[in-house]
PDB file of N, CA and C in Angstrom:
ATOM      1  N   MET A   1      -1.733  59.233 -42.698  1.00  0.00           N
ATOM      2  CA  MET A   1      -1.705  60.272 -42.372  1.00  0.00           C
ATOM      3  C   MET A   1      -2.109  59.944 -40.464  1.00  0.00           C
ATOM      4  N   LYS A   2      -0.958  61.168 -39.508  1.00  0.00           N
ATOM      5  CA  LYS A   2      -1.398  61.468 -38.186  1.00  0.00           C
ATOM      6  C   LYS A   2      -2.804  61.616 -38.182  1.00  0.00           C
ATOM      7  N   ASN A   3      -3.390  61.461 -36.643  1.00  0.00           N
ATOM      8  CA  ASN A   3      -4.011  62.227 -36.109  1.00  0.00           C
ATOM      9  C   ASN A   3      -3.451  63.291 -35.210  1.00  0.00           C
ATOM     10  N   GLY A   4      -4.276  64.177 -35.349  1.00  0.00           N
ATOM     11  CA  GLY A   4      -3.551  65.464 -34.488  1.00  0.00           C
ATOM     12  C   GLY A   4      -3.902  65.280 -33.575  1.00  0.00           C
ATOM     13  N   LYS A   5      -4.439  64.762 -32.992  1.00  0.00           N
ATOM     14  CA  LYS A   5      -4.780  64.625 -31.625  1.00  0.00           C
ATOM     15  C   LYS A   5      -3.936  63.590 -30.431  1.00  0.00           C
ATOM     16  N   ALA A   6      -2.663  63.607 -29.804  1.00  0.00           N
ATOM     17  CA  ALA A   6      -1.971  62.160 -29.142  1.00  0.00           C
ATOM     18  C   ALA A   6      -3.044  62.362 -27.942  1.00  0.00           C
ATOM     19  N   LEU A   7      -3.022  60.656 -27.971  1.00  0.00           N
ATOM     20  CA  LEU A   7      -4.254  60.593 -26.557  1.00  0.00           C
ATOM     21  C   LEU A   7      -3.061  59.935 -25.377  1.00  0.00           C
ATOM     22  N   ALA A   8      -3.574  60.245 -23.614  1.00  0.00           N
ATOM     23  CA  ALA A   8      -2.746  60.218 -23.543  1.00  0.00           C
ATOM     24  C   ALA A   8      -3.273  58.759 -23.072  1.00  0.00           C
ATOM     25  N   PRO A   9      -1.927  57.861 -22.367  1.00  0.00           N
ATOM     26  CA  PRO A   9      -2.924  56.427 -21.725  1.00  0.00           C
ATOM     27  C   PRO A   9      -3.904  56.555 -20.398  1.00  0.00           C
ATOM     28  N   THR A  10      -4.227  55.384 -20.889  1.00  0.00           N
ATOM     29  CA  THR A  10      -5.510  55.000 -19.528  1.00  0.00           C
ATOM     30  C   THR A  10      -4.394  55.113 -18.512  1.00  0.00           C
ATOM     31  N   ILE A  11      -5.295  55.191 -17.016  1.00  0.00           N
ATOM     32  CA  ILE A  11      -4.386  54.616 -15.792  1.00  0.00           C
ATOM     33  C   ILE A  11      -5.560  54.237 -14.448  1.00  0.00           C
ATOM     34  N   ASN A  12      -4.929  52.976 -14.568  1.00  0.00           N
ATOM     35  CA  ASN A  12      -5.069  52.381 -13.722  1.00  0.00           C
ATOM     36  C   ASN A  12      -5.420  53.661 -12.302  1.00  0.00           C
ATOM     37  N   PRO A  13      -7.092  53.096 -11.529  1.00  0.00           N
ATOM     38  CA  PRO A  13      -6.890  53.750 -10.397  1.00  0.00           C
ATOM     39  C   PRO A  13      -6.721  52.655  -9.504  1.00  0.00           C
ATOM     40  N   GLN A  14      -6.749  51.981  -9.705  1.00  0.00           N
ATOM     41  CA  GLN A  14      -6.670  50.498  -9.214  1.00  0.00           C
ATOM     42  C   GLN A  14      -4.447  50.831  -8.643  1.00  0.00           C
ATOM     43  N   ARG A  15      -3.916  50.444  -9.329  1.00  0.00           N
ATOM     44  CA  ARG A  15      -2.726  50.131  -9.099  1.00  0.00           C
ATOM     45  C   ARG A  15      -1.636  51.044  -8.748  1.00  0.00           C
ATOM     46  N   ALA A  16      -0.779  50.594  -7.628  1.00  0.00           N
ATOM     47  CA  ALA A  16       0.035  51.692  -6.672  1.00  0.00           C
ATOM     48  C   ALA A  16       0.622  52.437  -7.363  1.00  0.00           C
ATOM     49  N   PRO A  17       0.806  53.646  -6.965  1.00  0.00           N
ATOM     50  CA  PRO A  17       2.358  55.140  -7.783  1.00  0.00           C
ATOM     51  C   PRO A  17       3.112  53.747  -8.043  1.00  0.00           C
ATOM     52  N   ARG A  18       3.762  53.645  -8.757  1.00  0.00           N
ATOM     53  CA  ARG A  18       5.123  53.806  -8.841  1.00  0.00           C
ATOM     54  C   ARG A  18       5.535  54.812  -8.346  1.00  0.00           C
ATOM     55  N   GLU A  19       7.205  54.166  -7.258  1.00  0.00           N
ATOM     56  CA  GLU A  19       8.112  55.246  -6.604  1.00  0.00           C
ATOM     57  C   GLU A  19       8.932  56.248  -8.104  1.00  0.00           C
ATOM     58  N   ARG A  20       9.863  56.606  -7.956  1.00  0.00           N
ATOM     59  CA  ARG A  20      10.142  57.801  -8.732  1.00  0.00           C
ATOM     60  C   ARG A  20      12.211  57.703  -8.589  1.00  0.00           C
ATOM     61  N   ARG A  21      12.343  57.610  -9.598  1.00  0.00           N
ATOM     62  CA  ARG A  21      14.002  57.447  -9.095  1.00  0.00           C
ATOM     63  C   ARG A  21      14.964  58.367  -8.837  1.00  0.00           C
ATOM     64  N   MET A  22      15.798  58.227  -8.146  1.00  0.00           N
ATOM     65  CA  MET A  22      16.258  59.053  -7.795  1.00  0.00           C
ATOM     66  C   MET A  22      17.442  60.465  -8.879  1.00  0.00           C
ATOM     67  N   ASP A  23      17.796  58.930 -10.052  1.00  0.00           N
ATOM     68  CA  ASP A  23      18.664  59.358 -10.735  1.00  0.00           C
ATOM     69  C   ASP A  23      18.632  58.330 -11.522  1.00  0.00           C
ATOM     70  N   HIS A  24      19.265  58.548 -13.218  1.00  0.00           N
ATOM     71  CA  HIS A  24      18.853  57.550 -14.356  1.00  0.00           C
ATOM     72  C   HIS A  24      19.798  56.158 -13.768  1.00  0.00           C
ATOM     73  N   ASN A  25      21.221  56.288 -12.389  1.00  0.00           N
ATOM     74  CA  ASN A  25      22.093  54.889 -12.232  1.00  0.00           C
ATOM     75  C   ASN A  25      21.446  53.946 -11.210  1.00  0.00           C
ATOM     76  N   THR A  26      20.051  54.762 -10.398  1.00  0.00           N
ATOM     77  CA  THR A  26      20.067  54.568  -9.896  1.00  0.00           C
ATOM     78  C   THR A  26      18.423  53.612 -10.801  1.00  0.00           C
ATOM     79  N   VAL A  27      18.038  51.995 -10.132  1.00  0.00           N
ATOM     80  CA  VAL A  27      16.801  51.263 -10.081  1.00  0.00           C
ATOM     81  C   VAL A  27      15.210  50.871  -9.174  1.00  0.00           C
ATOM     82  N   SER A  28      14.573  51.231  -9.619  1.00  0.00           N
ATOM     83  CA  SER A  28      13.525  50.745  -8.888  1.00  0.00           C
ATOM     84  C   SER A  28      13.173  49.593  -7.864  1.00  0.00           C
ATOM     85  N   ARG A  29      13.259  49.844  -7.165  1.00  0.00           N
ATOM     86  CA  ARG A  29      12.510  48.027  -6.291  1.00  0.00           C
ATOM     87  C   ARG A  29      11.945  48.449  -5.507  1.00  0.00           C
ATOM     88  N   PRO A  30      11.034  47.491  -5.356  1.00  0.00           N
ATOM     89  CA  PRO A  30       9.975  47.429  -4.862  1.00  0.00           C
ATOM     90  C   PRO A  30      10.496  47.958  -3.351  1.00  0.00           C
ATOM     91  N   LYS A  31      10.221  48.184  -2.286  1.00  0.00           N
ATOM     92  CA  LYS A  31      10.001  47.874  -0.814  1.00  0.00           C
ATOM     93  C   LYS A  31      10.172  46.391  -0.025  1.00  0.00           C
ATOM     94  N   ARG A  32      10.774  45.954   0.579  1.00  0.00           N
ATOM     95  CA  ARG A  32      10.302  44.485   1.196  1.00  0.00           C
ATOM     96  C   ARG A  32       9.449  44.770   2.341  1.00  0.00           C
ATOM     97  N   VAL A  33       8.479  43.594   2.665  1.00  0.00           N
ATOM     98  CA  VAL A  33       7.633  44.384   3.913  1.00  0.00           C
ATOM     99  C   VAL A  33       8.356  43.280   4.540  1.00  0.00           C
ATOM    100  N   LYS A  34       8.914  43.855   6.124  1.00  0.00           N
ATOM    101  CA  LYS A  34       9.019  43.106   6.869  1.00  0.00           C
ATOM    102  C   LYS A  34       7.805  42.827   8.038  1.00  0.00           C
ATOM    103  N   ALA A  35       7.681  40.835   7.615  1.00  0.00           N
ATOM    104  CA  ALA A  35       7.495  39.855   8.432  1.00  0.00           C
ATOM    105  C   ALA A  35       6.632  40.334   9.760  1.00  0.00           C
ATOM    106  N   ALA A  36       5.400  40.791  10.712  1.00  0.00           N
ATOM    107  CA  ALA A  36       5.432  40.824  11.848  1.00  0.00           C
ATOM    108  C   ALA A  36       5.635  39.631  12.596  1.00  0.00           C
ATOM    109  N   ARG A  37       6.127  40.109  13.888  1.00  0.00           N
ATOM    110  CA  ARG A  37       5.666  39.374  15.190  1.00  0.00           C
ATOM    111  C   ARG A  37       4.596  38.824  15.239  1.00  0.00           C
ATOM    112  N   SER A  38       4.173  37.493  15.362  1.00  0.00           N
ATOM    113  CA  SER A  38       3.238  37.167  15.745  1.00  0.00           C
ATOM    114  C   SER A  38       3.092  37.189  17.455  1.00  0.00           C
ATOM    115  N   ALA A  39       3.637  36.400  17.667  1.00  0.00           N
ATOM    116  CA  ALA A  39       3.834  36.260  19.389  1.00  0.00           C
ATOM    117  C   ALA A  39       5.095  37.543  20.584  1.00  0.00           C
ATOM    118  N   THR A  40       4.004  37.180  21.402  1.00  0.00           N
ATOM    119  CA  THR A  40       5.146  39.032  22.256  1.00  0.00           C
ATOM    120  C   THR A  40       4.975  38.205  23.140  1.00  0.00           C
ATOM    121  N   GLY A  41       6.729  38.406  23.547  1.00  0.00           N
ATOM    122  CA  GLY A  41       6.640  38.253  25.290  1.00  0.00           C
ATOM    123  C   GLY A  41       7.867  37.057  25.182  1.00  0.00           C
ATOM    124  N   PRO A  42       7.702  36.616  26.168  1.00  0.00           N
ATOM    125  CA  PRO A  42       9.301  35.391  26.490  1.00  0.00           C
ATOM    126  C   PRO A  42       8.206  34.766  26.209  1.00  0.00           C
ATOM    127  N   ALA A  43       9.589  33.286  25.499  1.00  0.00           N
ATOM    128  CA  ALA A  43       8.296  32.184  25.262  1.00  0.00           C
ATOM    129  C   ALA A  43       7.939  31.526  26.970  1.00  0.00           C
ATOM    130  N   MET A  44       7.381  30.393  26.707  1.00  0.00           N
ATOM    131  CA  MET A  44       6.734  29.473  27.293  1.00  0.00           C
ATOM    132  C   MET A  44       6.532  28.061  27.334  1.00  0.00           C
ATOM    133  N   THR A  45       7.150  26.996  27.978  1.00  0.00           N
ATOM    134  CA  THR A  45       7.009  26.077  27.878  1.00  0.00           C
ATOM    135  C   THR A  45       5.569  25.366  27.482  1.00  0.00           C
ATOM    136  N   VAL A  46       5.569  23.720  27.056  1.00  0.00           N
ATOM    137  CA  VAL A  46       4.580  23.233  27.893  1.00  0.00           C
ATOM    138  C   VAL A  46       3.893  22.842  28.644  1.00  0.00           C
ATOM    139  N   ASP A  47       4.735  22.392  29.572  1.00  0.00           N
ATOM    140  CA  ASP A  47       4.319  22.548  31.091  1.00  0.00           C
ATOM    141  C   ASP A  47       4.127  24.064  31.427  1.00  0.00           C
ATOM    142  N   GLU A  48       4.734  24.650  31.527  1.00  0.00           N
ATOM    143  CA  GLU A  48       3.744  26.248  32.104  1.00  0.00           C
ATOM    144  C   GLU A  48       2.682  26.570  31.077  1.00  0.00           C
ATOM    145  N   PHE A  49       3.003  26.515  29.422  1.00  0.00           N
ATOM    146  CA  PHE A  49       1.168  26.485  29.324  1.00  0.00           C
ATOM    147  C   PHE A  49       0.657  24.850  29.855  1.00  0.00           C
ATOM    148  N   VAL A  50       0.139  24.626  30.059  1.00  0.00           N
ATOM    149  CA  VAL A  50      -0.397  23.448  31.270  1.00  0.00           C
ATOM    150  C   VAL A  50      -0.672  23.677  32.041  1.00  0.00           C
ATOM    151  N   ALA A  51       0.164  24.636  33.125  1.00  0.00           N
ATOM    152  CA  ALA A  51      -0.145  24.694  34.091  1.00  0.00           C
ATOM    153  C   ALA A  51      -0.769  26.295  33.977  1.00  0.00           C
ATOM    154  N   LYS A  52      -1.314  26.944  32.904  1.00  0.00           N
ATOM    155  CA  LYS A  52      -1.938  27.877  32.864  1.00  0.00           C
ATOM    156  C   LYS A  52      -3.628  27.131  32.710  1.00  0.00           C
ATOM    157  N   GLY A  53      -3.628  26.441  32.683  1.00  0.00           N
ATOM    158  CA  GLY A  53      -5.470  25.946  31.300  1.00  0.00           C
ATOM    159  C   GLY A  53      -4.637  25.456  30.258  1.00  0.00           C
ATOM    160  N   GLY A  54      -3.851  25.975  29.396  1.00  0.00           N
ATOM    161  CA  GLY A  54      -4.032  25.193  28.693  1.00  0.00           C
ATOM    162  C   GLY A  54      -4.143  23.427  27.881  1.00  0.00           C
ATOM    163  N   VAL A  55      -4.670  23.993  26.231  1.00  0.00           N
ATOM    164  CA  VAL A  55      -4.695  22.126  26.282  1.00  0.00           C
ATOM    165  C   VAL A  55      -4.329  22.071  25.263  1.00  0.00           C
ATOM    166  N   VAL A  56      -3.042  20.561  25.334  1.00  0.00           N
ATOM    167  CA  VAL A  56      -2.468  20.355  24.347  1.00  0.00           C
ATOM    168  C   VAL A  56      -2.650  18.809  23.891  1.00  0.00           C
ATOM    169  N   GLN A  57      -2.355  19.284  22.599  1.00  0.00           N
ATOM    170  CA  GLN A  57      -3.223  17.646  21.710  1.00  0.00           C
ATOM    171  C   GLN A  57      -1.034  16.945  21.768  1.00  0.00           C
ATOM    172  N   ARG A  58      -1.746  15.828  22.338  1.00  0.00           N
ATOM    173  CA  ARG A  58      -0.580  14.963  21.709  1.00  0.00           C
ATOM    174  C   ARG A  58      -0.084  14.130  20.307  1.00  0.00           C
ATOM    175  N   LEU A  59       0.041  13.827  20.004  1.00  0.00           N
ATOM    176  CA  LEU A  59       0.755  13.535  18.233  1.00  0.00           C
ATOM    177  C   LEU A  59       1.246  12.904  18.521  1.00  0.00           C
ATOM    178  N   THR A  60       1.824  11.213  18.124  1.00  0.00           N
ATOM    179  CA  THR A  60       2.315  10.259  18.014  1.00  0.00           C
ATOM    180  C   THR A  60       3.641  10.170  17.177  1.00  0.00           C
ATOM    181  N   ALA A  61       4.420  10.351  17.305  1.00  0.00           N
ATOM    182  CA  ALA A  61       5.681  10.520  15.807  1.00  0.00           C
ATOM    183  C   ALA A  61       5.278   9.374  15.226  1.00  0.00           C
ATOM    184  N   SER A  62       5.679   9.749  13.923  1.00  0.00           N
ATOM    185  CA  SER A  62       6.303   8.088  13.298  1.00  0.00           C
ATOM    186  C   SER A  62       7.256   6.705  13.463  1.00  0.00           C
ATOM    187  N   TRP A  63       8.217   7.204  14.381  1.00  0.00           N
ATOM    188  CA  TRP A  63       9.283   6.102  15.222  1.00  0.00           C
ATOM    189  C   TRP A  63       8.682   5.298  16.168  1.00  0.00           C
ATOM    190  N   GLU A  64       7.490   6.410  16.701  1.00  0.00           N
ATOM    191  CA  GLU A  64       6.596   5.939  17.718  1.00  0.00           C
ATOM    192  C   GLU A  64       5.119   5.015  16.868  1.00  0.00           C
ATOM    193  N   GLN A  65       4.636   5.436  15.937  1.00  0.00           N
ATOM    194  CA  GLN A  65       3.584   4.265  15.312  1.00  0.00           C
ATOM    195  C   GLN A  65       3.549   3.115  15.103  1.00  0.00           C
ATOM    196  N   ALA A  66       4.915   3.019  14.844  1.00  0.00           N
ATOM    197  CA  ALA A  66       6.113   1.850  14.658  1.00  0.00           C
ATOM    198  C   ALA A  66       6.074   1.348  15.363  1.00  0.00           C
ATOM    199  N   ALA A  67       6.338   1.359  16.460  1.00  0.00           N
ATOM    200  CA  ALA A  67       6.919   0.962  16.874  1.00  0.00           C
ATOM    201  C   ALA A  67       5.809  -0.514  18.120  1.00  0.00           C
TER     202      ALA A  67
END
């Protein structure tokens, strides 16, 4: 015999709420997060960076190491 009271499902408060579907023909898909751009302004060359007082670590390439 069934229990007279129906138990509601427990809701996890940590989980983000699901987006509601517009209609039954629409599939709910998570929205993609656009990557934030870290660099702002125009790019500068290595020579310009060194001229401003920047330090550049020069690494030898594999074809230069073999020679």
